[in-house]
Protein backbone atom coordinates (compact mmCIF):
# COMPACT_ATOMS: atom_id res chain seq x y z
CA MET A 1 17.33 5.76 2.76
CA ASP A 2 19.51 8.65 3.84
CA MET A 3 19.50 11.58 1.44
CA ARG A 4 22.85 12.35 -0.20
CA ASN A 5 24.22 15.74 -1.18
CA ARG A 6 23.53 16.48 -4.83
CA PRO A 7 25.03 18.99 -7.29
CA GLU A 8 23.48 22.42 -7.64
CA GLY A 9 20.56 22.46 -10.03
CA TYR A 10 18.60 19.73 -8.32
CA ALA A 11 16.65 22.19 -6.16
CA LEU A 12 14.43 23.46 -8.99
CA ALA A 13 13.81 19.92 -10.27
CA VAL A 14 12.84 18.75 -6.80
CA LEU A 15 10.51 21.72 -6.30
CA MET A 16 8.79 21.03 -9.61
CA ALA A 17 8.46 17.33 -8.77
CA LEU A 18 6.82 18.18 -5.47
CA LEU A 19 4.41 20.59 -7.12
CA VAL A 20 3.45 18.08 -9.79
CA SER A 21 3.27 14.93 -7.67
CA ALA A 22 2.00 16.21 -4.31
CA PRO A 23 -1.26 14.40 -3.54
CA VAL A 24 -4.46 16.42 -3.26
CA LEU A 25 -6.04 14.96 -0.12
CA ALA A 26 -8.77 16.07 2.25
CA VAL A 27 -8.44 15.13 5.92
CA GLU A 28 -11.49 14.03 7.87
CA ASN A 29 -11.98 13.11 11.53
CA ALA A 30 -14.14 10.06 12.11
CA LEU A 31 -13.66 8.63 15.61
CA PRO A 32 -14.21 5.84 16.42
CA VAL A 33 -13.28 4.13 13.15
CA PHE A 34 -12.42 0.49 13.92
CA SER A 35 -15.87 -1.00 13.62
CA SER A 36 -17.47 -4.37 14.23
CA GLU A 37 -17.54 -4.77 10.44
CA ASP A 38 -13.76 -4.27 10.27
CA ARG A 39 -13.34 -6.90 12.99
CA ARG A 40 -15.61 -9.34 11.15
CA ILE A 41 -13.70 -8.89 7.89
CA LEU A 42 -10.32 -9.41 9.56
CA GLU A 43 -11.41 -12.46 11.52
CA GLN A 44 -12.90 -14.13 8.46
CA GLY A 45 -10.08 -13.18 6.13
CA PHE A 46 -7.15 -14.25 8.30
CA HIS A 47 -8.63 -17.55 9.52
CA GLY A 48 -7.02 -17.00 12.94
CA ALA A 49 -3.50 -16.45 11.54
CA PHE A 50 -3.48 -12.81 12.72
CA ARG A 51 -4.61 -12.00 16.27
CA TYR A 52 -4.60 -8.54 17.82
CA HIS A 53 -5.80 -6.27 20.59
CA PRO A 54 -5.85 -2.44 20.71
CA ILE A 55 -3.11 -0.39 22.38
CA ALA A 56 -2.45 3.36 22.69
CA ALA A 57 -2.24 4.91 19.22
CA GLU A 58 -0.25 7.86 17.91
CA ALA A 59 0.08 9.89 14.73
CA LEU A 60 2.18 8.59 11.82
CA GLU A 61 5.24 10.69 12.58
CA ASP A 62 7.92 8.43 11.01
CA PRO A 63 6.36 6.62 8.02
CA ARG A 64 9.71 5.28 6.74
CA ALA A 65 10.25 3.37 10.00
CA LEU A 66 7.09 1.38 9.24
CA LEU A 67 8.52 0.01 6.00
CA ALA A 68 10.98 -2.86 5.74
CA PRO A 69 14.68 -1.90 5.48
CA ASP A 70 16.26 -1.70 2.01
CA GLU A 71 16.91 -5.11 0.45
CA ALA A 72 15.43 -6.94 3.47
CA ALA A 73 13.33 -9.94 2.46
CA ASN A 74 10.10 -10.74 4.29
CA VAL A 75 8.38 -14.05 3.59
CA TYR A 76 4.58 -14.27 3.86
CA ARG A 77 2.03 -17.03 3.97
CA VAL A 78 -0.69 -16.34 1.40
CA LEU A 79 -4.21 -17.21 2.62
CA PRO A 80 -6.67 -17.18 -0.28
CA GLU A 81 -10.40 -17.16 0.28
CA SER A 82 -10.46 -20.62 -1.28
CA GLY A 83 -7.77 -22.95 -2.59
CA PRO A 84 -4.32 -23.94 -1.28
CA GLU A 85 -2.04 -21.69 0.75
CA SER A 86 1.29 -20.56 -0.70
CA GLU A 87 4.28 -18.32 0.12
CA GLU A 88 5.69 -15.17 -1.41
CA THR A 89 8.73 -13.01 -0.68
CA HIS A 90 8.61 -9.20 -0.55
CA ARG A 91 11.68 -7.01 -0.98
CA PHE A 92 12.42 -3.27 -1.32
CA THR A 93 14.84 -2.02 -3.97
CA ALA A 94 15.92 1.63 -4.12
CA VAL A 95 15.27 3.24 -7.50
CA SER A 96 16.30 6.90 -7.20
CA GLU A 97 17.01 9.65 -4.68
CA VAL A 98 17.04 13.42 -4.84
CA PRO A 99 16.95 15.71 -1.81
CA GLY A 100 13.67 15.16 -0.01
CA ILE A 101 12.36 12.36 -2.26
CA SER A 102 13.20 8.65 -2.46
CA ARG A 103 11.61 6.25 -4.91
CA PHE A 104 11.79 2.50 -4.59
CA GLU A 105 10.24 -0.64 -5.97
CA TYR A 106 8.46 -3.00 -3.60
CA HIS A 107 8.65 -6.48 -5.12
CA LEU A 108 5.62 -8.55 -4.09
CA ASN A 109 6.60 -11.72 -5.93
CA ALA A 110 8.39 -12.77 -9.11
CA THR A 111 6.07 -10.82 -11.43
CA GLU A 112 4.37 -8.02 -9.45
CA SER A 113 5.67 -4.93 -7.71
CA GLN A 114 4.54 -1.53 -6.46
CA LEU A 115 6.30 1.78 -7.13
CA LEU A 116 6.50 3.83 -3.93
CA ARG A 117 7.57 7.39 -3.17
CA LEU A 118 8.87 8.59 0.21
CA SER A 119 8.73 12.37 0.49
CA ASP A 120 10.00 14.40 3.43
CA GLY A 121 7.06 16.04 5.19
CA GLN A 122 4.48 14.04 3.20
CA GLY A 123 5.09 10.34 3.89
CA VAL A 124 4.77 7.26 1.69
CA PHE A 125 2.58 7.08 -1.43
CA ILE A 126 1.94 4.50 -4.17
CA GLU A 127 2.81 5.99 -7.56
CA GLY A 128 2.15 2.89 -9.61
CA ALA A 129 2.39 -0.85 -10.04
CA ILE A 130 4.00 -3.31 -12.46
CA ASP A 131 2.51 -6.63 -13.52
CA ARG A 132 5.08 -8.41 -15.67
CA LYS A 133 2.84 -11.41 -16.20
CA GLU A 134 0.15 -9.23 -17.78
CA GLY A 135 2.75 -6.95 -19.36
CA VAL A 136 1.37 -3.71 -17.92
CA ARG A 137 2.41 -0.77 -15.77
CA THR A 138 -0.25 1.17 -13.86
CA GLU A 139 0.23 4.84 -12.94
CA PHE A 140 -1.68 6.81 -10.27
CA GLN A 141 -1.78 10.61 -10.49
CA PRO A 142 -1.80 11.92 -7.85
CA ALA A 143 -0.23 8.99 -6.04
CA LYS A 144 -2.37 6.83 -3.74
CA PRO A 145 -1.77 7.49 0.00
CA LEU A 146 -0.24 4.68 2.03
CA LEU A 147 1.45 6.23 5.10
CA PRO A 148 0.78 10.00 5.13
CA LYS A 149 2.96 11.78 7.67
CA GLY A 150 1.03 13.12 10.66
CA LEU A 151 -2.17 11.14 10.09
CA LEU A 152 -3.88 10.75 13.46
CA PRO A 153 -5.74 7.70 14.78
CA GLY A 154 -9.34 8.02 13.64
CA GLN A 155 -8.50 10.34 10.75
CA SER A 156 -9.16 9.64 7.10
CA VAL A 157 -7.68 11.21 3.98
CA THR A 158 -9.73 11.25 0.77
CA GLY A 159 -8.88 12.07 -2.80
CA VAL A 160 -9.32 11.19 -6.46
CA SER A 161 -6.54 9.58 -8.49
CA LYS A 162 -6.38 9.40 -12.28
CA VAL A 163 -5.28 5.96 -13.50
CA ARG A 164 -3.47 4.90 -16.66
CA VAL A 165 -2.64 1.30 -17.57
CA LEU A 166 0.34 1.26 -19.96
CA ASP A 167 1.80 -1.51 -22.10
CA LEU A 168 5.23 -2.51 -20.74
CA ALA A 169 6.57 -3.37 -24.17
CA HIS A 170 5.19 -0.17 -25.71
CA PRO A 171 5.09 2.47 -22.91
CA GLU A 172 3.40 5.02 -25.17
CA LYS A 173 0.39 2.72 -25.55
CA VAL A 174 -2.41 3.28 -23.02
CA ARG A 175 -4.46 0.11 -22.63
CA HIS A 176 -7.00 1.58 -20.19
CA SER A 177 -7.60 4.75 -18.20
CA GLY A 178 -9.99 5.94 -15.52
CA GLU A 179 -10.09 7.26 -11.99
CA LEU A 180 -10.47 6.03 -8.43
CA ASN A 181 -12.04 7.66 -5.39
CA LEU A 182 -9.75 6.90 -2.44
CA THR A 183 -10.23 6.88 1.34
CA LEU A 184 -7.35 5.93 3.64
CA THR A 185 -8.21 5.61 7.35
CA HIS A 186 -5.89 5.25 10.36
CA LEU A 187 -7.72 2.55 12.34
CA GLY A 188 -5.41 2.74 15.37
CA SER A 189 -2.57 0.76 16.92
CA PHE A 190 -2.73 -2.89 17.94
CA HIS A 191 -0.54 -5.53 19.48
CA GLY A 192 -0.49 -8.07 16.67
CA ILE A 193 0.47 -11.74 16.67
CA VAL A 194 1.44 -13.56 13.46
CA PRO A 195 3.28 -16.88 12.95
CA PHE A 196 6.68 -15.13 13.11
CA GLY A 197 6.08 -13.31 16.40
CA GLU A 198 4.43 -10.44 18.28
CA TYR A 199 4.67 -6.76 17.33
CA ASP A 200 3.13 -3.40 18.11
CA THR A 201 1.49 -2.34 14.87
CA VAL A 202 -0.40 0.37 13.01
CA LEU A 203 -3.54 -0.64 11.10
CA LEU A 204 -4.81 1.27 8.05
CA ARG A 205 -7.70 0.69 5.67
CA LEU A 206 -7.51 1.85 2.04
CA GLU A 207 -10.74 1.90 0.02
CA SER A 208 -10.68 2.47 -3.75
CA ARG A 209 -13.81 2.81 -5.89
CA GLY A 210 -14.07 3.82 -9.50
CA LYS A 211 -13.87 2.85 -13.13
CA ILE A 212 -10.82 1.83 -15.18
CA GLY A 213 -11.53 1.13 -18.83
CA PRO A 214 -14.76 -0.88 -19.02
CA ALA A 215 -14.42 -2.21 -15.46
CA ASP A 216 -16.07 -0.93 -12.28
CA ILE A 217 -13.78 -1.60 -9.32
CA VAL A 218 -14.40 -1.83 -5.59
CA HIS A 219 -11.15 -2.54 -3.75
CA GLN A 220 -10.61 -2.69 0.02
CA GLN A 221 -7.21 -3.27 1.64
CA TYR A 222 -6.09 -3.55 5.27
CA TYR A 223 -2.41 -2.84 5.96
CA CYS A 224 -0.80 -3.74 9.28
CA PHE A 225 2.71 -2.27 9.69
CA ALA A 226 5.30 -2.84 12.43
CA GLU A 227 8.22 -0.49 13.05
CA ASP A 228 11.56 -1.63 11.57
CA THR A 229 9.84 -4.71 10.13
CA GLY A 230 7.41 -3.44 7.54
CA LEU A 231 4.22 -5.16 6.51
CA LEU A 232 3.15 -7.62 9.19
CA ALA A 233 -0.27 -8.62 7.86
CA PHE A 234 -2.36 -7.64 4.86
CA LEU A 235 -5.88 -8.37 3.67
CA GLU A 236 -7.53 -7.32 0.43
CA SER A 237 -10.82 -7.91 -1.30
CA ARG A 238 -11.58 -6.83 -4.84
CA ARG A 239 -14.70 -6.84 -6.98
CA ILE A 240 -14.43 -6.13 -10.70
CA SER A 241 -17.48 -5.94 -12.94
CA ALA A 242 -18.03 -4.88 -16.54
CA PHE A 243 -20.94 -4.46 -18.94
CA GLY A 244 -23.36 -5.85 -16.35
CA ILE A 245 -22.50 -9.41 -17.38
CA TYR A 246 -18.97 -9.98 -16.04
CA GLU A 247 -18.10 -10.00 -12.36
CA LYS A 248 -15.02 -11.25 -10.53
CA ARG A 249 -14.54 -11.32 -6.77
CA GLU A 250 -11.31 -12.24 -5.03
CA GLN A 251 -9.92 -12.03 -1.51
CA GLN A 252 -6.63 -13.01 0.07
CA ALA A 253 -4.61 -12.34 3.20
CA LEU A 254 -0.89 -12.34 4.00
CA VAL A 255 0.87 -12.94 7.33
CA LEU A 256 4.60 -12.70 8.07
CA ILE A 257 6.23 -16.10 8.60
CA ARG A 258 9.94 -15.34 8.14
CA GLU A 259 12.10 -12.25 8.15
CA ASP A 260 15.14 -11.85 5.89
CA GLY A 261 15.54 -15.56 5.33
CA ALA A 262 15.40 -16.50 9.04
CA GLN A 263 14.15 -20.01 9.71
């Protein structure tokens, strides 16, 4: 995603965008951070499809290198907590570029995608999500951290993100709103093994807790990224409850099985 020269007049717009969208995050040191509980969760969630051992870890100095190349397709095996396995294909599509900022859509499957922002000096953040099946677009302000530039092994960043869930067909209509308390932690570097091969990886844990509309949400995600490949393995668990009478729990994992259509 090389930046292109733009006509004069973009500079002010870019500066304003940075001032408006820059995440408000606090950095905390918490070594050691990869706990026995993390290990238990990963081992149970991946059912042996993702194996790993720790290696020397460094700061996140080149976040873009940890994402898949533009238009590259990665195919993942989906491992639900219960039920049959399936496959889904992830792909990046560039959306817009101005000096210092790139936005792109990360397609997770036929109906869901995430809206990501890559900012020079800041890293990669999740600005929103689209669920075409449910007909909604979710916005996070400030954006949720994913790969903050310079984050050290053992460090966490924390913040609060306002959330709006908008109707896709009627963007002015807000279906739900709320806020999430976020903690992203750099758990270190690992040599990871998935069905497609072996990679040196970075492991991060993103925890989100809060209330959106009537629902209380507890969401935990583990992201494992490999340089020049992108997401290698992913595990998430989510608990949604409302009114003290409704509760839904779900968990699933993903592991890379093919890269860009390779067999």
